[in-house]
Protein backbone atom coordinates (compact mmCIF):
# COMPACT_ATOMS: atom_id res chain seq x y z
CA MET A 1 224.33 309.61 148.38
CA ILE A 2 223.71 310.53 144.76
CA THR A 3 226.47 309.97 142.22
CA TRP A 4 226.51 311.26 138.66
CA ASN A 5 228.14 308.76 136.32
CA ASN A 6 228.22 308.33 132.55
CA LEU A 7 226.00 305.63 131.12
CA ASP A 8 228.88 303.56 129.73
CA THR A 9 230.45 303.23 133.19
CA LEU A 10 227.38 301.56 134.73
CA ALA A 11 227.58 297.80 135.28
CA SER A 12 223.84 297.45 134.64
CA PHE A 13 224.22 299.03 131.20
CA LYS A 14 226.95 296.57 130.29
CA GLU A 15 224.61 293.77 131.39
CA LEU A 16 221.79 295.27 129.31
CA GLU A 17 223.96 295.22 126.19
CA LYS A 18 224.44 291.45 126.61
CA VAL A 19 220.76 290.52 126.97
CA GLU A 20 219.39 288.70 123.91
CA GLN A 21 217.41 291.02 121.67
CA VAL A 22 213.72 290.45 120.94
CA ASN A 23 212.34 289.29 117.60
CA LEU A 24 209.41 291.68 117.57
CA VAL A 25 207.65 289.96 114.65
CA GLU A 26 207.51 286.68 116.59
CA ALA A 27 206.66 288.38 119.87
CA MET A 28 203.70 290.30 118.44
CA THR A 29 202.23 287.55 116.25
CA GLY A 30 199.24 285.44 117.35
CA GLU A 31 198.47 284.73 121.01
CA SER A 32 201.89 285.93 122.10
CA GLY A 33 201.04 289.38 120.80
CA ALA A 34 197.60 289.32 122.41
CA GLU A 35 199.12 288.50 125.81
CA ARG A 36 201.70 291.25 125.47
CA VAL A 37 199.03 293.85 124.74
CA LYS A 38 197.18 292.76 127.88
CA ASN A 39 200.22 292.65 130.15
CA TYR A 40 202.67 295.29 128.95
CA SER A 41 200.63 298.22 130.16
CA VAL A 42 200.96 300.84 132.92
CA PRO A 43 198.19 303.15 134.19
CA MET A 44 198.84 306.87 133.96
CA ALA A 45 196.97 309.77 135.53
CA GLU A 46 193.64 311.11 134.26
CA GLY A 47 192.55 307.77 132.77
CA LEU A 48 195.52 307.47 130.39
CA THR A 49 197.41 304.22 129.84
CA TYR A 50 200.95 303.64 128.57
CA ASN A 51 201.09 300.41 126.52
CA TYR A 52 204.51 299.18 125.40
CA ALA A 53 203.53 295.75 124.02
CA ALA A 54 204.92 296.57 120.58
CA LYS A 55 208.28 297.72 121.92
CA GLN A 56 211.34 295.54 121.34
CA VAL A 57 211.51 294.36 124.95
CA ASP A 58 210.70 291.26 126.98
CA ASP A 59 210.82 290.36 130.66
CA LYS A 60 214.61 289.87 130.65
CA ILE A 61 215.25 293.24 129.04
CA LEU A 62 212.75 294.92 131.34
CA ALA A 63 214.49 293.41 134.38
CA ALA A 64 217.81 294.75 133.10
CA LEU A 65 216.24 298.19 132.60
CA ALA A 66 214.96 298.13 136.19
CA LYS A 67 218.53 297.44 137.36
CA LEU A 68 219.72 300.37 135.26
CA ALA A 69 217.11 302.63 136.87
CA ASP A 70 218.35 301.62 140.31
CA GLU A 71 222.04 302.02 139.54
CA ALA A 72 221.48 305.35 137.79
CA GLN A 73 219.46 306.45 140.86
CA LEU A 74 216.65 307.87 138.74
CA ALA A 75 214.09 308.10 141.56
CA GLU A 76 216.64 309.62 143.93
CA LYS A 77 217.71 312.22 141.36
CA PHE A 78 214.12 313.25 140.72
CA GLU A 79 213.63 313.55 144.48
CA ALA A 80 216.71 315.77 144.71
CA LEU A 81 215.33 317.91 141.88
CA TYR A 82 211.90 318.51 143.38
CA ASN A 83 213.39 319.09 146.83
CA GLY A 84 215.40 322.00 145.48
CA GLU A 85 218.95 320.80 144.78
CA VAL A 86 220.90 322.60 142.06
CA ILE A 87 220.29 320.17 139.19
CA ASN A 88 220.91 322.65 136.36
CA THR A 89 224.69 322.56 136.75
CA GLY A 90 225.43 324.59 133.62
CA GLU A 91 223.61 327.65 134.94
CA LYS A 92 223.87 326.73 138.65
CA ARG A 93 220.10 326.82 139.08
CA LEU A 94 217.33 324.87 140.73
CA VAL A 95 214.78 323.17 138.45
CA LEU A 96 211.28 323.90 139.71
CA HIS A 97 208.72 323.60 136.90
CA HIS A 98 207.01 320.77 138.83
CA MET A 99 206.39 323.26 141.63
CA THR A 100 204.04 325.27 139.40
CA ARG A 101 201.46 322.48 139.66
CA GLY A 102 202.13 320.97 143.08
CA GLN A 103 204.65 320.37 145.85
CA LEU A 104 206.06 316.86 145.52
CA GLY A 105 208.34 316.94 148.54
CA GLU A 106 209.87 319.44 150.93
CA ALA A 107 209.23 323.16 150.87
CA VAL A 108 211.74 324.88 148.60
CA GLU A 109 212.98 328.36 149.41
CA ALA A 110 214.98 330.43 146.93
CA ASP A 111 215.57 334.16 146.64
CA GLY A 112 214.16 334.44 150.14
CA VAL A 113 210.69 333.14 149.26
CA ASP A 114 208.79 329.86 149.35
CA LYS A 115 208.66 328.95 145.68
CA ARG A 116 205.37 327.05 145.77
CA ALA A 117 203.76 330.07 147.40
CA PHE A 118 205.33 332.32 144.76
CA TYR A 119 203.94 330.27 141.87
CA THR A 120 200.44 329.97 143.36
CA GLU A 121 200.45 333.71 144.04
CA GLN A 122 201.17 334.39 140.37
CA GLN A 123 198.44 331.96 139.33
CA ALA A 124 195.97 333.72 141.61
CA LYS A 125 196.91 337.11 140.15
CA ILE A 126 196.49 335.77 136.61
CA ALA A 127 193.11 334.25 137.51
CA ASP A 128 191.92 337.53 139.00
CA PHE A 129 193.09 339.47 135.95
CA ALA A 130 191.48 337.01 133.51
CA ASN A 131 188.19 337.05 135.38
CA LYS A 132 188.13 340.86 135.28
CA VAL A 133 188.83 340.85 131.55
CA HIS A 134 186.01 338.36 130.96
CA ALA A 135 183.63 340.36 133.15
CA GLY A 136 184.44 343.61 131.34
CA GLU A 137 186.05 345.18 134.42
CA ILE A 138 189.34 345.52 132.53
CA THR A 139 188.68 346.93 129.08
CA ASN A 140 190.32 348.74 126.21
CA GLY A 141 190.63 352.55 126.14
CA ALA A 142 187.08 352.90 124.85
CA GLY A 143 185.64 350.84 127.70
CA GLU A 144 184.93 347.87 125.41
CA LYS A 145 185.64 344.21 126.18
CA PHE A 146 188.66 342.44 124.77
CA THR A 147 187.75 339.56 122.45
CA THR A 148 191.19 338.26 121.41
CA VAL A 149 194.45 337.50 123.22
CA VAL A 150 197.72 337.46 121.28
CA GLN A 151 200.84 335.89 122.79
CA ILE A 152 204.20 337.33 121.70
CA GLY A 153 207.08 334.98 122.44
CA ILE A 154 209.42 332.45 120.88
CA GLY A 155 210.67 328.97 121.71
CA GLY A 156 209.16 327.76 124.96
CA SER A 157 207.15 330.97 125.23
CA ASP A 158 205.32 329.95 122.05
CA LEU A 159 205.53 326.23 121.27
CA GLY A 160 204.07 324.81 124.47
CA PRO A 161 201.31 327.38 125.06
CA ARG A 162 200.36 327.29 121.37
CA ALA A 163 200.14 323.48 121.40
CA MET A 164 198.07 323.52 124.59
CA TYR A 165 195.71 326.19 123.24
CA LEU A 166 195.08 324.28 120.02
CA ALA A 167 194.58 321.07 121.98
CA LEU A 168 191.80 322.59 124.10
CA GLU A 169 190.19 325.10 121.73
CA ASN A 170 187.45 322.81 120.44
CA TRP A 171 186.96 321.15 123.83
CA ALA A 172 186.35 324.59 125.38
CA LYS A 173 183.87 325.55 122.68
CA LYS A 174 181.98 322.29 123.16
CA ASN A 175 181.99 322.67 126.96
CA VAL A 176 181.07 326.38 126.92
CA THR A 177 184.28 327.56 128.56
CA PHE A 178 185.69 329.32 125.50
CA LYS A 179 186.27 332.97 126.44
CA MET A 180 188.60 334.55 123.89
CA GLU A 181 190.32 333.51 120.70
CA ALA A 182 194.11 333.24 121.03
CA LYS A 183 196.72 333.99 118.39
CA PHE A 184 200.49 333.66 118.56
CA ILE A 185 203.35 335.72 117.14
CA SER A 186 206.78 334.11 117.37
CA ASN A 187 208.94 334.37 114.24
CA VAL A 188 211.00 337.50 113.70
CA ASP A 189 209.94 337.20 110.04
CA PRO A 190 207.72 340.30 109.65
CA ASP A 191 205.13 338.25 107.78
CA ASP A 192 204.33 336.39 111.01
CA ALA A 193 203.40 339.50 113.01
CA ALA A 194 201.78 341.22 110.03
CA GLY A 195 199.69 338.17 109.24
CA VAL A 196 198.40 337.86 112.80
CA LEU A 197 197.73 341.59 113.15
CA ASN A 198 195.81 341.62 109.89
CA SER A 199 193.63 338.76 111.17
CA VAL A 200 192.53 340.41 114.44
CA ASP A 201 190.73 343.54 115.55
CA VAL A 202 193.62 345.24 117.38
CA ALA A 203 191.24 347.59 119.17
CA HIS A 204 189.72 344.60 120.97
CA SER A 205 192.94 342.58 121.40
CA ILE A 206 195.10 342.18 124.47
CA PHE A 207 198.75 341.27 123.88
CA VAL A 208 200.84 339.08 126.20
CA LEU A 209 204.56 339.78 125.88
CA VAL A 210 206.57 336.81 127.21
CA SER A 211 210.28 337.25 127.86
CA LYS A 212 211.98 336.07 131.04
CA SER A 213 214.97 338.37 130.58
CA GLY A 214 213.11 341.18 128.85
CA THR A 215 215.87 341.21 126.24
CA THR A 216 214.92 338.46 123.75
CA LEU A 217 215.61 340.00 120.33
CA GLU A 218 212.81 338.32 118.36
CA THR A 219 210.21 339.01 121.04
CA LEU A 220 211.12 342.66 121.53
CA THR A 221 211.19 343.16 117.76
CA ASN A 222 207.67 341.75 117.51
CA GLU A 223 206.56 343.87 120.47
CA SER A 224 207.68 346.95 118.54
CA PHE A 225 205.77 345.66 115.52
CA VAL A 226 202.60 345.36 117.64
CA LYS A 227 203.08 348.74 119.33
CA ASP A 228 203.46 350.34 115.92
CA ALA A 229 200.21 348.75 114.76
CA LEU A 230 198.41 349.97 117.89
CA LYS A 231 199.79 353.49 117.45
CA ASN A 232 198.73 353.55 113.80
CA ALA A 233 195.22 352.58 114.93
CA GLY A 234 195.19 355.52 117.33
CA LEU A 235 195.39 353.27 120.39
CA ASP A 236 197.40 353.52 123.61
CA ALA A 237 199.62 350.41 123.63
CA SER A 238 199.89 350.43 127.42
CA LYS A 239 196.13 349.75 127.60
CA HIS A 240 196.51 346.65 125.44
CA MET A 241 199.60 344.84 126.72
CA ILE A 242 200.60 342.68 129.67
CA ALA A 243 204.01 341.16 130.40
CA VAL A 244 205.11 337.73 131.61
CA THR A 245 208.69 338.14 132.75
CA SER A 246 211.06 337.85 135.69
CA GLU A 247 210.86 340.26 138.61
CA THR A 248 214.33 341.59 137.74
CA SER A 249 213.72 342.25 134.03
CA PRO A 250 213.21 345.76 132.61
CA LEU A 251 209.60 344.81 131.82
CA ALA A 252 208.66 344.05 135.42
CA LYS A 253 207.75 347.53 136.61
CA SER A 254 207.24 349.31 133.30
CA ASP A 255 204.29 351.61 132.72
CA ASP A 256 204.02 350.13 129.23
CA TYR A 257 201.86 347.26 130.53
CA LEU A 258 198.47 346.85 132.16
CA ALA A 259 199.96 344.17 134.42
CA ALA A 260 203.05 342.00 134.84
CA PHE A 261 203.09 338.36 135.95
CA PHE A 262 206.28 336.72 137.04
CA MET A 263 208.31 333.63 136.28
CA ASP A 264 211.87 332.96 137.44
CA ASP A 265 215.18 331.45 136.41
CA TYR A 266 214.21 328.05 137.82
CA ILE A 267 211.75 327.27 135.01
CA GLY A 268 213.18 326.68 131.55
CA GLY A 269 211.17 327.95 128.60
CA ARG A 270 210.38 324.49 127.24
CA TYR A 271 209.09 323.48 130.69
CA SER A 272 207.03 326.63 131.20
CA SER A 273 203.54 325.74 129.94
CA THR A 274 202.30 325.23 133.51
CA SER A 275 203.82 328.53 134.69
CA ALA A 276 202.65 332.07 134.01
CA VAL A 277 203.92 331.60 130.44
CA GLY A 278 201.04 329.25 129.69
CA GLY A 279 198.83 330.44 132.51
CA ALA A 280 198.14 333.94 131.22
CA VAL A 281 197.14 333.05 127.66
CA LEU A 282 195.27 329.86 128.59
CA SER A 283 193.39 331.52 131.46
CA LEU A 284 192.36 334.39 129.20
CA ALA A 285 191.33 332.00 126.43
CA PHE A 286 189.46 329.38 128.47
CA GLY A 287 189.10 330.70 132.00
CA PRO A 288 191.23 330.07 135.12
CA GLU A 289 189.20 327.00 136.08
CA VAL A 290 190.24 325.20 132.90
CA PHE A 291 193.89 326.10 133.47
CA ALA A 292 193.57 324.75 137.02
CA GLN A 293 192.27 321.42 135.66
CA PHE A 294 195.27 321.31 133.33
CA LEU A 295 197.60 321.84 136.29
CA ASP A 296 195.85 319.13 138.30
CA GLY A 297 196.39 316.61 135.51
CA ALA A 298 200.08 317.45 135.35
CA ALA A 299 200.41 317.23 139.13
CA ALA A 300 198.78 313.80 139.22
CA GLU A 301 201.21 312.48 136.61
CA ASP A 302 204.15 313.98 138.51
CA VAL A 303 203.13 311.96 141.57
CA LEU A 304 203.33 308.75 139.53
CA SER A 305 206.81 309.75 138.37
CA LYS A 306 208.01 309.63 141.99
CA ASN A 307 207.41 305.86 142.19
CA LYS A 308 210.65 303.89 142.61
CA ASP A 309 209.03 300.83 141.02
CA VAL A 310 209.73 301.35 137.33
CA PHE A 311 206.73 299.21 136.36
CA LYS A 312 204.42 301.63 138.16
CA ASN A 313 206.18 304.70 136.81
CA PRO A 314 205.16 305.19 133.16
CA ALA A 315 207.48 308.12 132.44
CA MET A 316 210.51 306.31 133.83
CA LEU A 317 209.69 303.12 131.94
CA ASP A 318 209.12 305.03 128.70
CA ALA A 319 212.46 306.79 129.23
CA LEU A 320 214.39 303.57 129.86
CA ILE A 321 212.94 301.84 126.80
CA GLY A 322 213.97 304.90 124.80
CA VAL A 323 217.52 304.65 126.15
CA TYR A 324 217.60 300.96 125.17
CA GLU A 325 216.47 301.85 121.65
CA ARG A 326 219.04 304.63 121.37
CA ASN A 327 222.08 303.08 123.01
CA VAL A 328 221.72 299.34 122.45
CA LEU A 329 219.60 299.02 119.32
CA GLY A 330 221.13 302.16 117.79
CA TYR A 331 217.97 303.87 116.56
CA PRO A 332 218.66 307.59 115.88
CA SER A 333 215.20 309.13 115.94
CA THR A 334 211.68 308.85 117.36
CA ALA A 335 208.38 309.77 115.70
CA VAL A 336 205.56 311.17 117.84
CA LEU A 337 202.23 310.34 116.19
CA PRO A 338 199.10 311.63 117.94
CA TYR A 339 195.88 310.29 116.43
CA SER A 340 194.03 313.43 117.42
CA GLN A 341 193.82 316.64 115.43
CA ALA A 342 193.70 318.49 118.74
CA LEU A 343 197.35 317.53 119.24
CA SER A 344 198.42 318.83 115.84
CA ARG A 345 201.21 320.99 117.32
CA PHE A 346 202.14 318.68 120.18
CA PRO A 347 204.99 317.01 118.22
CA ALA A 348 206.47 320.46 117.52
CA HIS A 349 206.47 321.18 121.25
CA LEU A 350 208.11 317.81 121.97
CA GLN A 351 210.79 318.56 119.40
CA GLN A 352 211.97 321.47 121.52
CA LEU A 353 211.36 319.75 124.84
CA ASP A 354 213.44 316.70 123.91
CA MET A 355 216.04 318.00 121.46
CA GLU A 356 216.87 321.19 123.36
CA SER A 357 217.07 319.28 126.64
CA ASN A 358 219.08 316.21 125.67
CA GLY A 359 220.80 317.26 122.46
CA LYS A 360 224.14 317.33 124.28
CA SER A 361 227.56 315.79 123.57
CA VAL A 362 229.10 316.58 126.95
CA ASN A 363 228.04 315.41 130.38
CA ARG A 364 226.99 317.49 133.37
CA PHE A 365 230.64 318.32 134.05
CA GLY A 366 231.47 319.44 130.51
CA GLU A 367 233.26 316.22 129.60
CA PRO A 368 232.65 314.57 126.19
CA VAL A 369 230.48 311.44 126.23
CA ASP A 370 231.22 308.39 124.08
CA TYR A 371 227.61 307.34 123.48
CA SER A 372 224.52 308.69 121.76
CA THR A 373 222.22 310.99 123.67
CA GLY A 374 218.90 312.57 122.61
CA PRO A 375 217.20 311.31 119.44
CA VAL A 376 215.81 313.38 116.60
CA ILE A 377 212.10 313.98 117.30
CA PHE A 378 209.52 314.57 114.59
CA GLY A 379 205.86 313.87 113.97
CA GLU A 380 202.46 314.79 112.63
CA PRO A 381 198.93 313.81 113.63
CA GLY A 382 197.40 310.64 112.23
CA THR A 383 196.02 309.90 109.77
CA ASN A 384 197.75 312.76 107.93
CA GLY A 385 201.19 311.29 108.61
CA GLN A 386 200.16 308.00 107.03
CA HIS A 387 199.89 309.81 103.70
CA SER A 388 203.17 311.63 104.23
CA PHE A 389 206.20 309.90 105.78
CA TYR A 390 204.91 306.46 106.86
CA GLN A 391 206.38 304.96 103.68
CA LEU A 392 209.85 305.45 105.14
CA LEU A 393 208.71 304.26 108.56
CA HIS A 394 207.38 300.99 107.11
CA GLN A 395 209.96 300.19 104.44
CA GLY A 396 212.87 302.59 104.82
CA THR A 397 216.41 301.53 105.67
CA ASP A 398 216.31 303.08 109.16
CA ILE A 399 214.11 301.74 111.93
CA VAL A 400 212.36 304.63 113.68
CA PRO A 401 210.70 303.92 117.06
CA LEU A 402 207.16 305.28 117.18
CA GLN A 403 205.21 306.92 119.98
CA PHE A 404 201.49 306.83 119.23
CA VAL A 405 198.83 308.70 121.21
CA GLY A 406 195.18 307.81 120.72
CA TYR A 407 191.78 308.57 122.27
CA LYS A 408 188.55 306.61 122.37
CA ASN A 409 186.36 309.69 122.00
CA SER A 410 186.48 312.88 119.97
CA GLN A 411 186.23 316.33 121.53
CA MET A 412 183.30 317.72 119.56
CA ALA A 413 181.05 314.64 119.65
CA THR A 414 180.04 315.44 116.09
CA ASP A 415 180.44 312.48 113.76
CA VAL A 416 178.92 310.58 110.89
CA VAL A 417 178.42 306.89 110.16
CA ILE A 418 179.80 305.83 106.79
CA GLN A 419 180.06 302.18 105.80
CA ASP A 420 178.90 301.04 109.23
CA SER A 421 181.49 302.95 111.29
CA THR A 422 182.03 306.48 112.57
CA SER A 423 184.98 308.70 111.72
CA GLN A 424 186.30 308.26 115.26
CA GLN A 425 186.13 304.48 114.87
CA LYS A 426 188.00 304.76 111.58
CA LEU A 427 190.64 306.90 113.27
CA CYS A 428 191.09 304.38 116.09
CA ALA A 429 191.09 301.47 113.62
CA ASN A 430 193.95 303.12 111.79
CA VAL A 431 196.15 303.52 114.85
CA ALA A 432 195.52 299.92 115.97
CA ALA A 433 196.29 298.66 112.49
CA GLN A 434 199.48 300.70 112.22
CA ILE A 435 200.87 299.34 115.49
CA VAL A 436 200.44 295.75 114.34
CA ALA A 437 201.57 296.47 110.78
CA PHE A 438 204.78 298.07 111.98
CA ALA A 439 205.48 295.27 114.46
CA CYS A 440 204.48 292.20 112.41
CA GLY A 441 204.90 293.30 108.80
CA LYS A 442 203.70 291.19 105.86
CA SER A 443 205.58 288.71 103.68
CA ASP A 444 205.24 289.03 99.93
CA GLU A 445 207.26 287.55 97.09
CA ASN A 446 207.05 290.95 95.43
CA ARG A 447 209.79 292.78 97.34
CA ASN A 448 208.05 296.07 96.65
CA LYS A 449 205.10 294.84 98.69
CA ASN A 450 207.10 293.07 101.40
CA PHE A 451 207.03 294.52 104.91
CA GLU A 452 209.75 293.16 107.19
CA GLY A 453 208.07 294.41 110.37
CA GLY A 454 210.08 294.59 113.57
CA ARG A 455 209.38 298.31 113.85
CA PRO A 456 208.75 299.11 117.55
CA SER A 457 206.08 301.41 118.93
CA SER A 458 204.25 302.34 122.10
CA ILE A 459 200.87 303.99 122.54
CA ILE A 460 199.33 306.21 125.17
CA ILE A 461 195.56 305.65 125.19
CA GLY A 462 193.02 307.99 126.76
CA GLU A 463 189.30 308.65 126.81
CA GLN A 464 189.44 312.19 125.39
CA VAL A 465 191.73 315.20 125.05
CA ASN A 466 190.57 317.47 127.89
CA PRO A 467 192.40 319.78 130.32
CA GLY A 468 193.26 317.07 132.84
CA SER A 469 194.41 314.45 130.36
CA LEU A 470 196.40 317.07 128.45
CA GLY A 471 198.22 318.10 131.63
CA ALA A 472 199.02 314.47 132.39
CA LEU A 473 200.29 313.88 128.85
CA LEU A 474 202.52 316.96 129.02
CA ALA A 475 203.99 315.96 132.40
CA HIS A 476 204.63 312.41 131.16
CA PHE A 477 206.87 313.65 128.37
CA GLU A 478 208.56 316.28 130.53
CA ASN A 479 209.44 313.59 133.06
CA LYS A 480 210.49 311.11 130.38
CA VAL A 481 212.99 313.64 129.00
CA MET A 482 214.25 314.37 132.52
CA PHE A 483 214.82 310.69 133.31
CA GLN A 484 216.66 310.13 130.03
CA GLY A 485 218.90 313.09 130.81
CA PHE A 486 219.69 311.51 134.17
CA VAL A 487 220.61 308.20 132.49
CA TRP A 488 222.83 309.93 129.93
CA ASN A 489 224.34 312.13 132.67
CA VAL A 490 223.66 315.31 130.71
CA ASN A 491 222.18 318.58 131.91
CA SER A 492 218.65 318.62 130.46
CA PHE A 493 217.96 322.14 131.69
CA ASP A 494 220.33 324.46 129.85
CA GLN A 495 220.51 325.20 126.11
CA GLU A 496 223.85 326.70 125.19
CA GLY A 497 223.41 325.40 121.65
CA VAL A 498 220.92 328.16 120.82
CA GLN A 499 223.30 330.99 121.70
CA LEU A 500 226.07 331.01 119.06
CA GLY A 501 223.77 331.84 116.16
CA LYS A 502 222.25 334.72 118.15
CA VAL A 503 225.69 336.17 118.84
CA LEU A 504 226.71 335.99 115.19
CA ALA A 505 223.38 337.52 114.08
CA LYS A 506 224.07 340.56 116.28
CA ARG A 507 227.48 340.91 114.64
CA VAL A 508 225.84 340.82 111.22
CA LEU A 509 223.36 343.54 112.18
CA ALA A 510 226.23 345.66 113.55
CA HIS A 511 228.13 345.09 110.27
CA GLU A 512 231.03 343.56 112.20
CA THR A 513 231.59 340.68 109.79
CA GLU A 514 234.37 339.06 107.81
CA GLY A 515 234.98 335.96 105.71
CA ALA A 516 232.01 333.74 104.92
CA LEU A 517 229.75 335.63 107.32
CA LYS A 518 230.36 338.87 105.42
CA VAL A 519 229.69 337.25 102.04
CA PHE A 520 226.44 335.68 103.23
CA SER A 521 225.43 339.06 104.70
CA ASP A 522 226.07 340.73 101.36
CA LEU A 523 224.14 338.02 99.47
CA LEU A 524 221.14 338.63 101.75
CA ASN A 525 221.43 342.41 101.36
CA ILE A 526 221.79 343.05 105.10
């Protein structure tokens, strides 16, 4: 029987708090450090590896974390989730994003349909549509092929798909699977839509409107912006637009779209990259076969996340170490640092994934919690970040745990040798050096040049950013966030915190304001 208890009521957590903390400088120096790098490692799917040698843990702490995983019933709660229990208590919904890439357990029926069959049916429809666009069977009003796809959405309808597109764009060009350039419009700021529209040939562009409800203010505003541009170009908007929405939304059966592909209430926006939300734009951009490889990578990582042995379950282990850093060591934030330009927008996606999921101060039952929950997430690709905010990471007053991601090979296989090493070797040398520098530091009598070390990090290492490894990486972080939500006893699948500002904005636009809101409205000339 599953029980949902707050972290601070668990006996294993109280034991964890009493375990002696690790001196990371000593642990990572010399042969001790070498042995840790060899031993503190867990295989992931698609050739990835999670290495936590430079984390502030040892065998005693890891044993205590394994006890915490058992008492918090992490494996059992994941099993309940993928078997269709109502895990999203705030909205009384199932949580089924895993089902978009594979069935991990029992068949799940909701709304009178088998949900795995529903998701695969939508994927098949998207694949058929994309293939017809690429073959010139679906064309613009003049019978000409589309060359660009533009996604209109915000939040999870933008951040994840945009990050995935940028991650695979160069890989697809190198591997001759690049079909169409993709652009994204998200911000209600008119300069966003205008800038994108000015950069594309609208006559040869197909627009993907993504809104589950069909009522998202920013998205519908940008749709109107696009329709106006198409009209001004003498084009029929209905010949240039498709919708990704729910079957019950006003967009579902509208004549304004060439086609509609469906999602449902059981997939949150920030978890929707493997649904039709990511499927339409990525299949149009790279072809359905590439999107299928992406799904396979995510599915393979999901299977690993079922393992009850925490030391064979990289997402669960990563999550537990993060809980230890947050709730025992008291670290308030985490930096995500991919040493790959392909992942330039991946940290932005993880910001939403993590902070919207676990940025909660009440538990699943609406009761206040007396401990910290989700950390602040930020990051940039290396080596750019080294010349930006690493100063604070190395010598600042706060210790910030670090999550590196690095690859042995580049995507484009175009490189130069300078001073006896390639650019890729220099990139990899930098990430290896940073891990050790953060952990071990450097003593210097000049306090300005002294590095105390003791700054924990982990690294996920892969061969190359490709569709499969990208899917596995995405699923790892989705499952990490889920497991942490289970430990903190929060609902990781609603996002009430985004609603209040929207409500007040509508009042401003209706001129129903008073007090400070009225004054700010006047200052902004609304």
